[in-house]
Amino acid sequence: MTRPWSEAQIALTADHLKAIAHPLRLAAVCLLGDGERSVGEICERLGTTQPNVSQHLAQLAGRKLLKTRRDGSRIYYAIADRRLIDIVERLRGIYCP
């Protein structure tokens, strides 16, 4: 039986879903769905510390789900793949009407 997907695609998708399954990372992705934000802005909105947020953002960026931009001493994060925004929008529609 031939599958319409590869094992590598399935493994990568599962890894990405695991990455956003953490509550803080999902909240950060939801914020970033509205556009680029600095680490400081994300910390303020999520009510947690910079080291905590940076650690979680680094995990998402390491999986190529987020992209970064440096402006002086500030680091800005944005969604790297539009498909992630589409997924989050669907989740918002289901769970945050």
N, C-alpha and C. Protein backbone atom coordinates (compact mmCIF):
# COMPACT_ATOMS: atom_id res chain seq x y z
N MET A 1 0.84 -1.17 0.00
CA MET A 1 0.00 0.00 0.00
C MET A 1 0.89 1.25 0.00
N THR A 2 0.67 2.11 -0.95
CA THR A 2 1.45 3.34 -1.05
C THR A 2 0.76 4.45 -0.27
N ARG A 3 1.55 5.13 0.54
CA ARG A 3 1.01 6.23 1.35
C ARG A 3 1.21 7.54 0.59
N PRO A 4 0.28 8.49 0.74
CA PRO A 4 0.42 9.78 0.06
C PRO A 4 1.38 10.72 0.79
N TRP A 5 2.04 10.25 1.82
CA TRP A 5 3.00 11.06 2.58
C TRP A 5 4.20 10.21 2.91
N SER A 6 5.28 10.87 3.27
CA SER A 6 6.47 10.11 3.63
C SER A 6 6.60 10.03 5.14
N GLU A 7 7.35 9.05 5.58
CA GLU A 7 7.61 8.91 7.02
C GLU A 7 8.32 10.17 7.56
N ALA A 8 9.20 10.75 6.74
CA ALA A 8 9.91 11.97 7.16
C ALA A 8 8.95 13.13 7.35
N GLN A 9 7.97 13.26 6.46
CA GLN A 9 6.97 14.33 6.60
C GLN A 9 6.14 14.14 7.87
N ILE A 10 5.76 12.92 8.14
CA ILE A 10 4.98 12.62 9.34
C ILE A 10 5.78 12.94 10.59
N ALA A 11 7.04 12.53 10.61
CA ALA A 11 7.89 12.78 11.78
C ALA A 11 8.10 14.28 11.99
N LEU A 12 8.32 15.03 10.93
CA LEU A 12 8.53 16.47 11.04
C LEU A 12 7.26 17.16 11.53
N THR A 13 6.12 16.78 11.00
CA THR A 13 4.86 17.37 11.42
C THR A 13 4.58 17.07 12.89
N ALA A 14 4.82 15.84 13.31
CA ALA A 14 4.62 15.47 14.71
C ALA A 14 5.55 16.28 15.62
N ASP A 15 6.79 16.49 15.19
CA ASP A 15 7.73 17.28 15.96
C ASP A 15 7.25 18.73 16.10
N HIS A 16 6.73 19.31 15.02
CA HIS A 16 6.22 20.67 15.07
C HIS A 16 5.00 20.78 15.97
N LEU A 17 4.12 19.80 15.91
CA LEU A 17 2.95 19.81 16.79
C LEU A 17 3.35 19.68 18.26
N LYS A 18 4.34 18.84 18.53
CA LYS A 18 4.85 18.73 19.90
C LYS A 18 5.43 20.05 20.37
N ALA A 19 6.10 20.75 19.48
CA ALA A 19 6.74 22.02 19.84
C ALA A 19 5.72 23.06 20.26
N ILE A 20 4.59 23.13 19.59
CA ILE A 20 3.59 24.14 19.95
C ILE A 20 2.61 23.65 21.00
N ALA A 21 2.74 22.40 21.42
CA ALA A 21 1.80 21.84 22.40
C ALA A 21 2.01 22.38 23.81
N HIS A 22 3.15 22.96 24.10
CA HIS A 22 3.40 23.53 25.42
C HIS A 22 2.57 24.82 25.55
N PRO A 23 1.89 25.03 26.69
CA PRO A 23 1.02 26.20 26.83
C PRO A 23 1.70 27.54 26.56
N LEU A 24 2.90 27.75 27.06
CA LEU A 24 3.57 29.03 26.85
C LEU A 24 3.97 29.21 25.39
N ARG A 25 4.43 28.14 24.76
CA ARG A 25 4.81 28.24 23.35
C ARG A 25 3.58 28.47 22.47
N LEU A 26 2.48 27.82 22.79
CA LEU A 26 1.26 28.04 22.03
C LEU A 26 0.77 29.47 22.20
N ALA A 27 0.84 29.99 23.42
CA ALA A 27 0.44 31.38 23.66
C ALA A 27 1.33 32.34 22.87
N ALA A 28 2.62 32.07 22.83
CA ALA A 28 3.55 32.92 22.08
C ALA A 28 3.22 32.87 20.59
N VAL A 29 2.94 31.69 20.08
CA VAL A 29 2.59 31.56 18.66
C VAL A 29 1.30 32.31 18.37
N CYS A 30 0.34 32.24 19.29
CA CYS A 30 -0.91 32.98 19.10
C CYS A 30 -0.64 34.49 19.03
N LEU A 31 0.22 34.99 19.92
CA LEU A 31 0.59 36.41 19.88
C LEU A 31 1.26 36.76 18.56
N LEU A 32 2.17 35.92 18.13
CA LEU A 32 2.92 36.19 16.91
C LEU A 32 2.06 36.04 15.66
N GLY A 33 0.92 35.39 15.79
CA GLY A 33 -0.01 35.30 14.68
C GLY A 33 -0.52 36.67 14.26
N ASP A 34 -0.45 37.63 15.19
CA ASP A 34 -0.88 39.00 14.90
C ASP A 34 0.26 39.85 14.34
N GLY A 35 1.48 39.30 14.30
CA GLY A 35 2.62 40.03 13.75
C GLY A 35 3.85 39.92 14.63
N GLU A 36 4.94 40.44 14.12
CA GLU A 36 6.22 40.40 14.79
C GLU A 36 6.17 41.12 16.14
N ARG A 37 6.90 40.55 17.12
CA ARG A 37 6.97 41.16 18.46
C ARG A 37 8.37 40.96 19.02
N SER A 38 8.75 41.88 19.90
CA SER A 38 10.03 41.74 20.59
C SER A 38 9.87 40.76 21.75
N VAL A 39 10.99 40.26 22.22
CA VAL A 39 10.96 39.36 23.38
C VAL A 39 10.32 40.07 24.56
N GLY A 40 10.66 41.34 24.76
CA GLY A 40 10.07 42.11 25.86
C GLY A 40 8.57 42.21 25.77
N GLU A 41 8.05 42.44 24.58
CA GLU A 41 6.60 42.51 24.38
C GLU A 41 5.94 41.17 24.71
N ILE A 42 6.58 40.11 24.27
CA ILE A 42 6.02 38.77 24.51
C ILE A 42 6.02 38.48 26.02
N CYS A 43 7.11 38.82 26.70
CA CYS A 43 7.19 38.62 28.16
C CYS A 43 6.06 39.36 28.87
N GLU A 44 5.89 40.62 28.48
CA GLU A 44 4.86 41.45 29.10
C GLU A 44 3.47 40.87 28.90
N ARG A 45 3.18 40.45 27.68
CA ARG A 45 1.85 39.91 27.36
C ARG A 45 1.60 38.57 28.04
N LEU A 46 2.66 37.74 28.17
CA LEU A 46 2.49 36.41 28.76
C LEU A 46 2.69 36.41 30.26
N GLY A 47 3.22 37.51 30.80
CA GLY A 47 3.39 37.61 32.24
C GLY A 47 4.44 36.68 32.82
N THR A 48 5.52 36.51 32.11
CA THR A 48 6.60 35.65 32.59
C THR A 48 7.95 36.31 32.30
N THR A 49 9.00 35.66 32.71
CA THR A 49 10.33 36.25 32.64
C THR A 49 10.97 36.13 31.26
N GLN A 50 11.93 37.00 31.01
CA GLN A 50 12.64 36.98 29.73
C GLN A 50 13.39 35.68 29.52
N PRO A 51 14.12 35.15 30.53
CA PRO A 51 14.81 33.87 30.28
C PRO A 51 13.84 32.74 29.92
N ASN A 52 12.69 32.71 30.58
CA ASN A 52 11.70 31.67 30.31
C ASN A 52 11.17 31.79 28.88
N VAL A 53 10.78 32.99 28.51
CA VAL A 53 10.25 33.20 27.16
C VAL A 53 11.32 32.92 26.11
N SER A 54 12.53 33.41 26.34
CA SER A 54 13.60 33.21 25.37
C SER A 54 13.89 31.74 25.14
N GLN A 55 13.85 30.96 26.21
CA GLN A 55 14.10 29.52 26.09
C GLN A 55 13.04 28.87 25.19
N HIS A 56 11.79 29.22 25.41
CA HIS A 56 10.72 28.63 24.61
C HIS A 56 10.75 29.11 23.16
N LEU A 57 11.03 30.39 22.97
CA LEU A 57 11.12 30.91 21.61
C LEU A 57 12.28 30.27 20.85
N ALA A 58 13.38 30.03 21.54
CA ALA A 58 14.53 29.38 20.90
C ALA A 58 14.17 27.98 20.43
N GLN A 59 13.35 27.28 21.18
CA GLN A 59 12.93 25.94 20.77
C GLN A 59 12.11 26.01 19.48
N LEU A 60 11.23 26.99 19.40
CA LEU A 60 10.42 27.15 18.19
C LEU A 60 11.27 27.61 17.01
N ALA A 61 12.19 28.52 17.26
CA ALA A 61 13.07 29.00 16.19
C ALA A 61 14.00 27.89 15.71
N GLY A 62 14.44 27.06 16.63
CA GLY A 62 15.31 25.94 16.27
C GLY A 62 14.63 24.94 15.35
N ARG A 63 13.33 24.88 15.43
CA ARG A 63 12.56 24.00 14.54
C ARG A 63 12.10 24.73 13.29
N LYS A 64 12.58 25.94 13.11
CA LYS A 64 12.27 26.77 11.93
C LYS A 64 10.80 27.19 11.88
N LEU A 65 10.13 27.20 13.04
CA LEU A 65 8.75 27.66 13.09
C LEU A 65 8.69 29.18 13.25
N LEU A 66 9.74 29.75 13.85
CA LEU A 66 9.84 31.20 14.01
C LEU A 66 11.10 31.70 13.33
N LYS A 67 11.06 32.96 12.94
CA LYS A 67 12.26 33.62 12.42
C LYS A 67 12.56 34.80 13.33
N THR A 68 13.81 35.21 13.34
CA THR A 68 14.23 36.31 14.21
C THR A 68 14.82 37.44 13.40
N ARG A 69 14.76 38.61 14.04
CA ARG A 69 15.37 39.81 13.46
C ARG A 69 15.95 40.59 14.63
N ARG A 70 17.18 41.02 14.47
CA ARG A 70 17.83 41.80 15.52
C ARG A 70 17.83 43.27 15.12
N ASP A 71 17.47 44.12 16.09
CA ASP A 71 17.53 45.57 15.90
C ASP A 71 18.24 46.13 17.13
N GLY A 72 19.53 46.36 17.00
CA GLY A 72 20.33 46.78 18.15
C GLY A 72 20.40 45.64 19.15
N SER A 73 19.97 45.90 20.37
CA SER A 73 20.00 44.87 21.40
C SER A 73 18.69 44.09 21.49
N ARG A 74 17.71 44.48 20.71
CA ARG A 74 16.41 43.80 20.74
C ARG A 74 16.33 42.71 19.69
N ILE A 75 15.67 41.63 20.08
CA ILE A 75 15.41 40.54 19.15
C ILE A 75 13.91 40.47 18.93
N TYR A 76 13.53 40.41 17.69
CA TYR A 76 12.13 40.31 17.31
C TYR A 76 11.87 38.93 16.72
N TYR A 77 10.71 38.40 17.05
CA TYR A 77 10.30 37.09 16.53
C TYR A 77 9.07 37.24 15.66
N ALA A 78 8.97 36.38 14.67
CA ALA A 78 7.81 36.33 13.79
C ALA A 78 7.61 34.89 13.34
N ILE A 79 6.41 34.59 12.92
CA ILE A 79 6.10 33.26 12.39
C ILE A 79 6.86 33.08 11.07
N ALA A 80 7.54 31.97 10.93
CA ALA A 80 8.35 31.71 9.73
C ALA A 80 7.54 31.07 8.60
N ASP A 81 6.48 30.39 8.94
CA ASP A 81 5.73 29.62 7.95
C ASP A 81 4.24 29.94 8.11
N ARG A 82 3.65 30.48 7.08
CA ARG A 82 2.24 30.90 7.09
C ARG A 82 1.32 29.75 7.51
N ARG A 83 1.70 28.53 7.24
CA ARG A 83 0.85 27.39 7.60
C ARG A 83 0.65 27.30 9.10
N LEU A 84 1.64 27.71 9.89
CA LEU A 84 1.51 27.71 11.34
C LEU A 84 0.44 28.70 11.78
N ILE A 85 0.39 29.86 11.13
CA ILE A 85 -0.65 30.84 11.44
C ILE A 85 -2.02 30.26 11.11
N ASP A 86 -2.13 29.57 10.00
CA ASP A 86 -3.40 28.95 9.61
C ASP A 86 -3.87 27.95 10.67
N ILE A 87 -2.93 27.15 11.18
CA ILE A 87 -3.27 26.16 12.21
C ILE A 87 -3.75 26.86 13.47
N VAL A 88 -3.02 27.89 13.89
CA VAL A 88 -3.39 28.61 15.11
C VAL A 88 -4.74 29.30 14.93
N GLU A 89 -5.00 29.85 13.76
CA GLU A 89 -6.30 30.49 13.52
C GLU A 89 -7.44 29.47 13.63
N ARG A 90 -7.21 28.28 13.13
CA ARG A 90 -8.23 27.24 13.26
C ARG A 90 -8.47 26.89 14.73
N LEU A 91 -7.38 26.76 15.48
CA LEU A 91 -7.51 26.48 16.92
C LEU A 91 -8.23 27.61 17.64
N ARG A 92 -7.91 28.85 17.31
CA ARG A 92 -8.59 29.99 17.92
C ARG A 92 -10.09 29.92 17.63
N GLY A 93 -10.44 29.59 16.39
CA GLY A 93 -11.85 29.51 16.02
C GLY A 93 -12.61 28.43 16.77
N ILE A 94 -11.91 27.35 17.09
CA ILE A 94 -12.54 26.24 17.80
C ILE A 94 -12.61 26.52 19.30
N TYR A 95 -11.51 26.97 19.88
CA TYR A 95 -11.40 27.06 21.34
C TYR A 95 -11.54 28.46 21.90
N CYS A 96 -11.47 29.48 21.07
CA CYS A 96 -11.54 30.87 21.56
C CYS A 96 -12.56 31.67 20.75
N PRO A 97 -13.82 31.21 20.75
CA PRO A 97 -14.81 31.92 19.93
C PRO A 97 -15.12 33.32 20.44
